[in-house]
Amino acid sequence: MQGNVVQGRNIWLEPKQAVPCLLNGIEAGVLGGLAMLALLVSGSLWRGSSWWAPSNLLGTTFYGARALSIGPGRATLAGCALHIFITGLIGAAFGLLCGRIQRRHRLVLLGTLAGLISHGLVDALLWARINPLVALYSAQPVTLLSHALFGACLGYMARTFPAPTQMASPDLTLAEAKPEWDGVK
């Protein structure tokens, strides 16, 4: 597979390398999304609001503005699921783009930067078109900090998968084959 060469290295991933990077990115994205939700819930409780408010805010995508005034329920679950899905997608993209970086501090720095950039892009491109209530009602200091935490979690794609081994084909030579045994003796 051909790709661009940067400093003597091929920057396109071979399929054998892409799958582990993709899986690591999804895992880091989902775990980062859970850490992000925990920080958003903590910020909501700190402000004196209910713990389900951040998830219900995302749940307004499916249930409309009435999800802001109801308690925990389907809107909360739908908001959590949407959040985990989006963070998993961002993690998958990050894993494909940065999954082969070996230095941990560089990966954490790039992840934090990706988390902050994703905050701006998701607000400007996704929420502005799909659900403007999310960009309007999210508590910005906590939301920005939670995106930085999410990005730092992306940088800790710690588990590496072993390189796939080639299965050796069985060495069947004519000397090993028994011509007298073909099902009939």
N, C-alpha and C. Protein backbone atom coordinates (compact mmCIF):
# COMPACT_ATOMS: atom_id res chain seq x y z
N MET A 1 0.85 -1.17 0.00
CA MET A 1 0.00 0.00 0.00
C MET A 1 0.88 1.23 0.00
N GLN A 2 0.58 2.15 -0.85
CA GLN A 2 1.37 3.35 -0.97
C GLN A 2 0.81 4.43 -0.07
N GLY A 3 1.65 5.31 0.38
CA GLY A 3 1.20 6.40 1.21
C GLY A 3 2.23 7.51 1.19
N ASN A 4 1.97 8.56 1.88
CA ASN A 4 2.89 9.67 1.97
C ASN A 4 4.02 9.30 2.91
N VAL A 5 5.19 9.80 2.61
CA VAL A 5 6.35 9.52 3.45
C VAL A 5 6.71 10.79 4.19
N VAL A 6 6.72 10.70 5.52
CA VAL A 6 7.10 11.82 6.36
C VAL A 6 8.30 11.39 7.18
N GLN A 7 9.40 12.09 7.01
CA GLN A 7 10.65 11.79 7.70
C GLN A 7 11.02 10.32 7.56
N GLY A 8 10.87 9.79 6.37
CA GLY A 8 11.28 8.42 6.10
C GLY A 8 10.31 7.37 6.56
N ARG A 9 9.15 7.77 7.10
CA ARG A 9 8.17 6.80 7.57
C ARG A 9 6.91 6.90 6.74
N ASN A 10 6.31 5.80 6.48
CA ASN A 10 5.05 5.75 5.75
C ASN A 10 3.93 6.10 6.72
N ILE A 11 3.13 7.13 6.40
CA ILE A 11 2.11 7.56 7.36
C ILE A 11 0.78 6.88 7.14
N TRP A 12 0.59 6.15 6.05
CA TRP A 12 -0.64 5.40 5.87
C TRP A 12 -0.49 4.07 6.57
N LEU A 13 -1.53 3.61 7.18
CA LEU A 13 -1.48 2.37 7.92
C LEU A 13 -1.83 1.19 7.03
N GLU A 14 -1.11 0.15 7.20
CA GLU A 14 -1.47 -1.10 6.55
C GLU A 14 -2.71 -1.64 7.25
N PRO A 15 -3.51 -2.47 6.57
CA PRO A 15 -4.71 -3.00 7.24
C PRO A 15 -4.41 -3.75 8.53
N LYS A 16 -3.27 -4.43 8.59
CA LYS A 16 -2.91 -5.16 9.82
C LYS A 16 -2.65 -4.19 10.96
N GLN A 17 -2.17 -3.00 10.65
CA GLN A 17 -1.88 -2.01 11.67
C GLN A 17 -3.10 -1.15 11.98
N ALA A 18 -3.98 -0.96 11.00
CA ALA A 18 -5.12 -0.06 11.18
C ALA A 18 -6.14 -0.62 12.16
N VAL A 19 -6.38 -1.91 12.12
CA VAL A 19 -7.41 -2.49 12.99
C VAL A 19 -7.04 -2.35 14.47
N PRO A 20 -5.83 -2.68 14.89
CA PRO A 20 -5.50 -2.45 16.31
C PRO A 20 -5.55 -0.98 16.70
N CYS A 21 -5.11 -0.09 15.82
CA CYS A 21 -5.17 1.34 16.12
C CYS A 21 -6.62 1.80 16.24
N LEU A 22 -7.47 1.30 15.36
CA LEU A 22 -8.88 1.64 15.40
C LEU A 22 -9.52 1.16 16.70
N LEU A 23 -9.23 -0.08 17.08
CA LEU A 23 -9.79 -0.64 18.31
C LEU A 23 -9.28 0.09 19.55
N ASN A 24 -7.99 0.42 19.56
CA ASN A 24 -7.44 1.19 20.67
C ASN A 24 -8.10 2.56 20.77
N GLY A 25 -8.32 3.18 19.62
CA GLY A 25 -8.96 4.49 19.61
C GLY A 25 -10.40 4.44 20.10
N ILE A 26 -11.14 3.42 19.67
CA ILE A 26 -12.53 3.28 20.14
C ILE A 26 -12.55 3.06 21.64
N GLU A 27 -11.67 2.20 22.12
CA GLU A 27 -11.61 1.93 23.57
C GLU A 27 -11.26 3.20 24.35
N ALA A 28 -10.26 3.93 23.88
CA ALA A 28 -9.87 5.17 24.56
C ALA A 28 -10.98 6.20 24.47
N GLY A 29 -11.69 6.26 23.34
CA GLY A 29 -12.79 7.20 23.19
C GLY A 29 -13.95 6.90 24.12
N VAL A 30 -14.29 5.64 24.25
CA VAL A 30 -15.40 5.26 25.14
C VAL A 30 -15.01 5.51 26.59
N LEU A 31 -13.80 5.13 26.97
CA LEU A 31 -13.36 5.38 28.36
C LEU A 31 -13.24 6.88 28.63
N GLY A 32 -12.75 7.62 27.66
CA GLY A 32 -12.69 9.07 27.80
C GLY A 32 -14.07 9.69 27.87
N GLY A 33 -15.01 9.13 27.12
CA GLY A 33 -16.39 9.61 27.19
C GLY A 33 -17.01 9.36 28.55
N LEU A 34 -16.70 8.22 29.15
CA LEU A 34 -17.21 7.94 30.50
C LEU A 34 -16.58 8.88 31.52
N ALA A 35 -15.28 9.15 31.39
CA ALA A 35 -14.63 10.10 32.28
C ALA A 35 -15.21 11.50 32.09
N MET A 36 -15.51 11.83 30.85
CA MET A 36 -16.10 13.12 30.54
C MET A 36 -17.48 13.25 31.16
N LEU A 37 -18.29 12.19 31.06
CA LEU A 37 -19.61 12.21 31.69
C LEU A 37 -19.51 12.36 33.21
N ALA A 38 -18.53 11.67 33.80
CA ALA A 38 -18.35 11.79 35.25
C ALA A 38 -18.01 13.23 35.64
N LEU A 39 -17.17 13.88 34.86
CA LEU A 39 -16.82 15.27 35.16
C LEU A 39 -18.01 16.20 34.92
N LEU A 40 -18.78 15.95 33.87
CA LEU A 40 -19.97 16.77 33.62
C LEU A 40 -21.02 16.60 34.72
N VAL A 41 -21.19 15.38 35.20
CA VAL A 41 -22.13 15.14 36.30
C VAL A 41 -21.63 15.83 37.57
N SER A 42 -20.33 15.75 37.83
CA SER A 42 -19.77 16.42 39.01
C SER A 42 -19.97 17.93 38.91
N GLY A 43 -19.76 18.48 37.73
CA GLY A 43 -19.97 19.92 37.54
C GLY A 43 -21.42 20.30 37.70
N SER A 44 -22.32 19.43 37.24
CA SER A 44 -23.74 19.70 37.41
C SER A 44 -24.13 19.69 38.89
N LEU A 45 -23.62 18.73 39.63
CA LEU A 45 -23.89 18.68 41.07
C LEU A 45 -23.27 19.87 41.79
N TRP A 46 -22.10 20.31 41.36
CA TRP A 46 -21.41 21.45 41.96
C TRP A 46 -22.23 22.72 41.79
N ARG A 47 -22.88 22.86 40.63
CA ARG A 47 -23.72 24.02 40.37
C ARG A 47 -25.07 23.93 41.07
N GLY A 48 -25.37 22.81 41.68
CA GLY A 48 -26.64 22.64 42.38
C GLY A 48 -27.74 22.10 41.49
N SER A 49 -27.38 21.59 40.36
CA SER A 49 -28.35 21.02 39.44
C SER A 49 -28.41 19.51 39.66
N SER A 50 -29.27 18.85 38.94
CA SER A 50 -29.41 17.40 39.09
C SER A 50 -28.31 16.67 38.32
N TRP A 51 -28.05 15.44 38.72
CA TRP A 51 -26.97 14.67 38.10
C TRP A 51 -27.32 14.26 36.68
N TRP A 52 -28.56 14.19 36.34
CA TRP A 52 -28.95 13.74 35.00
C TRP A 52 -29.05 14.89 33.99
N ALA A 53 -28.82 16.11 34.42
CA ALA A 53 -28.98 17.27 33.54
C ALA A 53 -28.08 17.21 32.29
N PRO A 54 -26.78 16.85 32.38
CA PRO A 54 -25.98 16.80 31.16
C PRO A 54 -26.47 15.74 30.16
N SER A 55 -26.87 14.60 30.67
CA SER A 55 -27.36 13.55 29.78
C SER A 55 -28.72 13.91 29.18
N ASN A 56 -29.57 14.53 29.97
CA ASN A 56 -30.86 14.97 29.44
C ASN A 56 -30.69 16.07 28.40
N LEU A 57 -29.67 16.90 28.57
CA LEU A 57 -29.39 17.93 27.57
C LEU A 57 -29.07 17.28 26.23
N LEU A 58 -28.27 16.23 26.25
CA LEU A 58 -28.00 15.50 25.01
C LEU A 58 -29.22 14.73 24.55
N GLY A 59 -30.06 14.31 25.49
CA GLY A 59 -31.28 13.60 25.15
C GLY A 59 -32.31 14.47 24.45
N THR A 60 -32.14 15.79 24.52
CA THR A 60 -33.06 16.67 23.79
C THR A 60 -32.93 16.48 22.28
N THR A 61 -31.87 15.85 21.85
CA THR A 61 -31.72 15.54 20.43
C THR A 61 -32.83 14.62 19.96
N PHE A 62 -33.25 13.73 20.82
CA PHE A 62 -34.28 12.75 20.46
C PHE A 62 -35.65 13.10 21.02
N TYR A 63 -35.70 13.70 22.21
CA TYR A 63 -36.95 13.92 22.91
C TYR A 63 -37.40 15.38 22.97
N GLY A 64 -36.66 16.26 22.36
CA GLY A 64 -37.04 17.66 22.34
C GLY A 64 -36.75 18.38 23.65
N ALA A 65 -37.18 19.61 23.73
CA ALA A 65 -36.88 20.46 24.88
C ALA A 65 -37.52 19.97 26.17
N ARG A 66 -38.56 19.15 26.07
CA ARG A 66 -39.19 18.66 27.30
C ARG A 66 -38.25 17.77 28.11
N ALA A 67 -37.19 17.23 27.49
CA ALA A 67 -36.23 16.39 28.22
C ALA A 67 -35.46 17.18 29.26
N LEU A 68 -35.41 18.50 29.11
CA LEU A 68 -34.71 19.32 30.10
C LEU A 68 -35.45 19.41 31.43
N SER A 69 -36.77 19.25 31.38
CA SER A 69 -37.55 19.43 32.60
C SER A 69 -37.99 18.13 33.26
N ILE A 70 -37.71 16.98 32.63
CA ILE A 70 -38.10 15.72 33.24
C ILE A 70 -36.93 15.11 33.99
N GLY A 71 -37.20 14.14 34.79
CA GLY A 71 -36.17 13.48 35.58
C GLY A 71 -35.42 12.44 34.76
N PRO A 72 -34.69 11.57 35.46
CA PRO A 72 -33.94 10.54 34.73
C PRO A 72 -34.91 9.55 34.09
N GLY A 73 -34.57 9.12 32.90
CA GLY A 73 -35.43 8.20 32.17
C GLY A 73 -34.85 7.90 30.80
N ARG A 74 -35.72 7.76 29.84
CA ARG A 74 -35.29 7.43 28.48
C ARG A 74 -34.41 8.52 27.88
N ALA A 75 -34.73 9.76 28.15
CA ALA A 75 -33.91 10.85 27.61
C ALA A 75 -32.50 10.80 28.18
N THR A 76 -32.38 10.42 29.43
CA THR A 76 -31.06 10.30 30.06
C THR A 76 -30.26 9.18 29.40
N LEU A 77 -30.89 8.03 29.21
CA LEU A 77 -30.20 6.92 28.56
C LEU A 77 -29.84 7.24 27.12
N ALA A 78 -30.75 7.90 26.41
CA ALA A 78 -30.48 8.26 25.02
C ALA A 78 -29.33 9.27 24.94
N GLY A 79 -29.29 10.21 25.87
CA GLY A 79 -28.20 11.18 25.89
C GLY A 79 -26.86 10.54 26.20
N CYS A 80 -26.85 9.62 27.16
CA CYS A 80 -25.61 8.89 27.47
C CYS A 80 -25.14 8.07 26.27
N ALA A 81 -26.08 7.39 25.63
CA ALA A 81 -25.72 6.56 24.47
C ALA A 81 -25.19 7.42 23.33
N LEU A 82 -25.81 8.56 23.09
CA LEU A 82 -25.32 9.45 22.04
C LEU A 82 -23.93 9.97 22.37
N HIS A 83 -23.72 10.31 23.62
CA HIS A 83 -22.41 10.81 24.05
C HIS A 83 -21.32 9.74 23.86
N ILE A 84 -21.60 8.53 24.29
CA ILE A 84 -20.61 7.46 24.16
C ILE A 84 -20.36 7.13 22.68
N PHE A 85 -21.41 7.18 21.87
CA PHE A 85 -21.25 6.93 20.44
C PHE A 85 -20.35 7.99 19.79
N ILE A 86 -20.59 9.25 20.10
CA ILE A 86 -19.80 10.33 19.51
C ILE A 86 -18.35 10.26 19.99
N THR A 87 -18.13 10.02 21.27
CA THR A 87 -16.76 9.93 21.76
C THR A 87 -16.05 8.70 21.22
N GLY A 88 -16.77 7.61 20.99
CA GLY A 88 -16.17 6.45 20.35
C GLY A 88 -15.75 6.73 18.92
N LEU A 89 -16.57 7.49 18.19
CA LEU A 89 -16.20 7.87 16.81
C LEU A 89 -14.98 8.77 16.79
N ILE A 90 -14.95 9.74 17.69
CA ILE A 90 -13.79 10.63 17.76
C ILE A 90 -12.55 9.83 18.15
N GLY A 91 -12.71 8.89 19.07
CA GLY A 91 -11.59 8.03 19.46
C GLY A 91 -11.11 7.16 18.32
N ALA A 92 -12.04 6.66 17.50
CA ALA A 92 -11.65 5.84 16.35
C ALA A 92 -10.84 6.66 15.36
N ALA A 93 -11.28 7.89 15.10
CA ALA A 93 -10.54 8.76 14.18
C ALA A 93 -9.16 9.09 14.75
N PHE A 94 -9.11 9.36 16.05
CA PHE A 94 -7.82 9.66 16.68
C PHE A 94 -6.90 8.44 16.64
N GLY A 95 -7.46 7.27 16.86
CA GLY A 95 -6.65 6.05 16.82
C GLY A 95 -6.06 5.81 15.44
N LEU A 96 -6.84 6.06 14.40
CA LEU A 96 -6.33 5.88 13.04
C LEU A 96 -5.28 6.92 12.69
N LEU A 97 -5.46 8.14 13.17
CA LEU A 97 -4.52 9.20 12.82
C LEU A 97 -3.25 9.18 13.68
N CYS A 98 -3.38 8.86 14.94
CA CYS A 98 -2.25 8.98 15.86
C CYS A 98 -1.90 7.68 16.57
N GLY A 99 -2.46 6.58 16.14
CA GLY A 99 -2.29 5.33 16.86
C GLY A 99 -0.89 4.74 16.84
N ARG A 100 -0.07 5.15 15.91
CA ARG A 100 1.28 4.58 15.82
C ARG A 100 2.33 5.43 16.52
N ILE A 101 1.93 6.51 17.17
CA ILE A 101 2.88 7.36 17.89
C ILE A 101 3.32 6.62 19.14
N GLN A 102 4.62 6.52 19.33
CA GLN A 102 5.16 5.72 20.42
C GLN A 102 5.34 6.51 21.72
N ARG A 103 5.68 7.79 21.63
CA ARG A 103 5.96 8.58 22.83
C ARG A 103 4.66 8.96 23.52
N ARG A 104 4.55 8.57 24.78
CA ARG A 104 3.32 8.77 25.53
C ARG A 104 3.01 10.24 25.75
N HIS A 105 4.01 11.05 26.11
CA HIS A 105 3.73 12.46 26.38
C HIS A 105 3.28 13.19 25.12
N ARG A 106 3.79 12.82 23.99
CA ARG A 106 3.36 13.43 22.73
C ARG A 106 1.93 13.01 22.41
N LEU A 107 1.63 11.75 22.68
CA LEU A 107 0.28 11.24 22.41
C LEU A 107 -0.75 11.90 23.33
N VAL A 108 -0.40 12.11 24.59
CA VAL A 108 -1.32 12.78 25.52
C VAL A 108 -1.51 14.23 25.11
N LEU A 109 -0.44 14.90 24.71
CA LEU A 109 -0.56 16.28 24.25
C LEU A 109 -1.43 16.38 23.00
N LEU A 110 -1.21 15.50 22.04
CA LEU A 110 -2.04 15.49 20.83
C LEU A 110 -3.49 15.13 21.15
N GLY A 111 -3.68 14.21 22.10
CA GLY A 111 -5.03 13.84 22.50
C GLY A 111 -5.77 14.99 23.15
N THR A 112 -5.08 15.72 24.04
CA THR A 112 -5.71 16.87 24.68
C THR A 112 -6.05 17.94 23.65
N LEU A 113 -5.16 18.16 22.72
CA LEU A 113 -5.42 19.10 21.64
C LEU A 113 -6.60 18.63 20.79
N ALA A 114 -6.66 17.34 20.50
CA ALA A 114 -7.78 16.79 19.73
C ALA A 114 -9.10 16.92 20.49
N GLY A 115 -9.07 16.74 21.79
CA GLY A 115 -10.28 16.90 22.59
C GLY A 115 -10.79 18.34 22.58
N LEU A 116 -9.88 19.29 22.67
CA LEU A 116 -10.28 20.70 22.64
C LEU A 116 -10.75 21.11 21.25
N ILE A 117 -10.09 20.62 20.22
CA ILE A 117 -10.52 20.91 18.85
C ILE A 117 -11.88 20.27 18.58
N SER A 118 -12.06 19.04 19.08
CA SER A 118 -13.36 18.39 18.86
C SER A 118 -14.49 19.15 19.55
N HIS A 119 -14.20 19.81 20.66
CA HIS A 119 -15.21 20.63 21.33
C HIS A 119 -15.69 21.74 20.39
N GLY A 120 -14.75 22.43 19.79
CA GLY A 120 -15.12 23.51 18.88
C GLY A 120 -15.82 23.02 17.63
N LEU A 121 -15.31 21.92 17.07
CA LEU A 121 -15.91 21.39 15.85
C LEU A 121 -17.30 20.82 16.08
N VAL A 122 -17.47 20.11 17.18
CA VAL A 122 -18.78 19.53 17.46
C VAL A 122 -19.80 20.63 17.74
N ASP A 123 -19.39 21.66 18.47
CA ASP A 123 -20.31 22.78 18.71
C ASP A 123 -20.65 23.52 17.43
N ALA A 124 -19.66 23.76 16.60
CA ALA A 124 -19.89 24.56 15.40
C ALA A 124 -20.58 23.77 14.29
N LEU A 125 -20.22 22.51 14.12
CA LEU A 125 -20.73 21.76 12.99
C LEU A 125 -21.90 20.85 13.33
N LEU A 126 -21.80 20.13 14.43
CA LEU A 126 -22.82 19.13 14.74
C LEU A 126 -24.01 19.73 15.47
N TRP A 127 -23.74 20.35 16.62
CA TRP A 127 -24.85 20.83 17.44
C TRP A 127 -25.56 22.01 16.80
N ALA A 128 -24.87 22.82 16.05
CA ALA A 128 -25.52 23.95 15.41
C ALA A 128 -26.57 23.49 14.40
N ARG A 129 -26.37 22.33 13.80
CA ARG A 129 -27.30 21.83 12.78
C ARG A 129 -28.30 20.83 13.34
N ILE A 130 -27.88 20.02 14.29
CA ILE A 130 -28.76 18.95 14.78
C ILE A 130 -29.57 19.39 15.99
N ASN A 131 -28.89 19.95 16.98
CA ASN A 131 -29.57 20.31 18.23
C ASN A 131 -28.90 21.54 18.85
N PRO A 132 -29.34 22.73 18.50
CA PRO A 132 -28.72 23.95 19.04
C PRO A 132 -28.85 24.10 20.55
N LEU A 133 -29.76 23.36 21.17
CA LEU A 133 -29.91 23.46 22.62
C LEU A 133 -28.66 23.01 23.37
N VAL A 134 -27.95 22.05 22.81
CA VAL A 134 -26.75 21.54 23.48
C VAL A 134 -25.69 22.63 23.57
N ALA A 135 -25.42 23.31 22.48
CA ALA A 135 -24.43 24.38 22.50
C ALA A 135 -24.90 25.56 23.34
N LEU A 136 -26.20 25.78 23.38
CA LEU A 136 -26.76 26.92 24.10
C LEU A 136 -26.76 26.72 25.61
N TYR A 137 -27.10 25.51 26.07
CA TYR A 137 -27.29 25.28 27.50
C TYR A 137 -26.14 24.55 28.19
N SER A 138 -25.09 24.17 27.49
CA SER A 138 -24.00 23.47 28.17
C SER A 138 -23.17 24.47 28.97
N ALA A 139 -22.77 24.05 30.15
CA ALA A 139 -21.98 24.91 31.04
C ALA A 139 -20.54 24.92 30.52
N GLN A 140 -20.12 26.03 29.94
CA GLN A 140 -18.88 26.07 29.19
C GLN A 140 -17.60 25.81 29.99
N PRO A 141 -17.39 26.33 31.16
CA PRO A 141 -16.11 26.00 31.80
C PRO A 141 -15.96 24.50 32.05
N VAL A 142 -17.01 23.87 32.52
CA VAL A 142 -16.94 22.43 32.81
C VAL A 142 -16.88 21.64 31.50
N THR A 143 -17.61 22.07 30.51
CA THR A 143 -17.63 21.36 29.23
C THR A 143 -16.26 21.41 28.57
N LEU A 144 -15.63 22.57 28.59
CA LEU A 144 -14.30 22.69 28.00
C LEU A 144 -13.28 21.85 28.75
N LEU A 145 -13.37 21.86 30.08
CA LEU A 145 -12.47 21.03 30.89
C LEU A 145 -12.73 19.55 30.65
N SER A 146 -13.99 19.17 30.48
CA SER A 146 -14.29 17.75 30.23
C SER A 146 -13.78 17.31 28.86
N HIS A 147 -13.78 18.20 27.88
CA HIS A 147 -13.20 17.85 26.58
C HIS A 147 -11.68 17.70 26.67
N ALA A 148 -11.04 18.52 27.49
CA ALA A 148 -9.60 18.36 27.70
C ALA A 148 -9.31 17.03 28.40
N LEU A 149 -10.13 16.66 29.38
CA LEU A 149 -9.98 15.36 30.04
C LEU A 149 -10.20 14.23 29.04
N PHE A 150 -11.21 14.36 28.21
CA PHE A 150 -11.47 13.36 27.18
C PHE A 150 -10.26 13.20 26.26
N GLY A 151 -9.68 14.31 25.85
CA GLY A 151 -8.50 14.25 24.99
C GLY A 151 -7.31 13.61 25.67
N ALA A 152 -7.13 13.91 26.96
CA ALA A 152 -6.04 13.28 27.70
C ALA A 152 -6.25 11.77 27.78
N CYS A 153 -7.51 11.36 27.93
CA CYS A 153 -7.81 9.92 27.94
C CYS A 153 -7.52 9.30 26.57
N LEU A 154 -7.74 10.06 25.51
CA LEU A 154 -7.38 9.56 24.18
C LEU A 154 -5.88 9.31 24.09
N GLY A 155 -5.11 10.14 24.76
CA GLY A 155 -3.67 10.00 24.72
C GLY A 155 -3.15 8.79 25.47
N TYR A 156 -3.98 8.18 26.28
CA TYR A 156 -3.56 7.00 27.02
C TYR A 156 -4.05 5.73 26.36
N MET A 157 -3.89 5.66 25.05
CA MET A 157 -4.20 4.42 24.34
C MET A 157 -3.08 3.44 24.66
N ALA A 158 -3.12 2.87 25.84
CA ALA A 158 -1.97 2.15 26.37
C ALA A 158 -1.82 0.75 25.82
N ARG A 159 -2.89 0.05 25.62
CA ARG A 159 -2.77 -1.35 25.24
C ARG A 159 -2.37 -1.46 23.79
N THR A 160 -1.37 -2.27 23.56
CA THR A 160 -0.97 -2.54 22.18
C THR A 160 -1.27 -3.98 21.87
N PHE A 161 -1.75 -4.20 20.69
CA PHE A 161 -2.06 -5.54 20.26
C PHE A 161 -0.83 -6.16 19.63
N PRO A 162 -0.61 -7.44 19.84
CA PRO A 162 0.55 -8.06 19.21
C PRO A 162 0.36 -8.09 17.70
N ALA A 163 1.49 -8.06 17.03
CA ALA A 163 1.44 -8.12 15.57
C ALA A 163 0.86 -9.46 15.15
N PRO A 164 -0.03 -9.44 14.17
CA PRO A 164 -0.63 -10.71 13.75
C PRO A 164 0.44 -11.63 13.15
N THR A 165 0.40 -12.86 13.58
CA THR A 165 1.37 -13.81 13.07
C THR A 165 0.80 -14.50 11.85
N GLN A 166 1.68 -14.82 10.96
CA GLN A 166 1.26 -15.52 9.76
C GLN A 166 1.09 -16.99 10.12
N MET A 167 -0.05 -17.52 9.80
CA MET A 167 -0.27 -18.93 10.05
C MET A 167 0.51 -19.72 9.01
N ALA A 168 1.33 -20.60 9.48
CA ALA A 168 2.12 -21.42 8.57
C ALA A 168 1.20 -22.45 7.93
N SER A 169 1.29 -22.51 6.64
CA SER A 169 0.48 -23.52 5.95
C SER A 169 1.09 -24.89 6.21
N PRO A 170 0.27 -25.88 6.34
CA PRO A 170 0.81 -27.21 6.62
C PRO A 170 1.69 -27.66 5.46
N ASP A 171 2.81 -28.22 5.84
CA ASP A 171 3.76 -28.68 4.84
C ASP A 171 3.40 -30.12 4.46
N LEU A 172 2.65 -30.24 3.44
CA LEU A 172 2.26 -31.56 2.96
C LEU A 172 3.10 -31.91 1.75
N THR A 173 3.95 -32.82 1.97
CA THR A 173 4.75 -33.29 0.85
C THR A 173 4.24 -34.65 0.42
N LEU A 174 4.64 -35.05 -0.72
CA LEU A 174 4.19 -36.35 -1.24
C LEU A 174 4.70 -37.50 -0.40
N ALA A 175 5.83 -37.30 0.28
CA ALA A 175 6.37 -38.37 1.11
C ALA A 175 5.47 -38.61 2.32
N GLU A 176 4.82 -37.56 2.84
CA GLU A 176 3.96 -37.73 4.00
C GLU A 176 2.58 -38.28 3.63
N ALA A 177 2.16 -38.02 2.42
CA ALA A 177 0.84 -38.49 2.01
C ALA A 177 0.87 -40.00 1.85
N LYS A 178 -0.20 -40.64 2.25
CA LYS A 178 -0.29 -42.09 2.16
C LYS A 178 -1.22 -42.43 1.00
N PRO A 179 -0.67 -42.86 -0.11
CA PRO A 179 -1.51 -43.12 -1.27
C PRO A 179 -2.47 -44.30 -1.07
N GLU A 180 -2.15 -45.22 -0.16
CA GLU A 180 -3.04 -46.35 0.02
C GLU A 180 -4.28 -46.01 0.81
N TRP A 181 -4.27 -44.89 1.49
CA TRP A 181 -5.45 -44.52 2.26
C TRP A 181 -6.20 -43.41 1.54
N ASP A 182 -7.18 -43.74 0.79
CA ASP A 182 -8.03 -42.77 0.13
C ASP A 182 -9.49 -43.01 0.50
N GLY A 183 -9.68 -43.62 1.61
CA GLY A 183 -11.04 -43.91 2.06
C GLY A 183 -11.37 -45.38 1.88
N VAL A 184 -10.61 -46.07 1.06
CA VAL A 184 -10.84 -47.49 0.81
C VAL A 184 -9.50 -48.20 0.93
N LYS A 185 -9.50 -49.30 1.67
CA LYS A 185 -8.25 -50.07 1.80
C LYS A 185 -8.27 -51.23 0.89
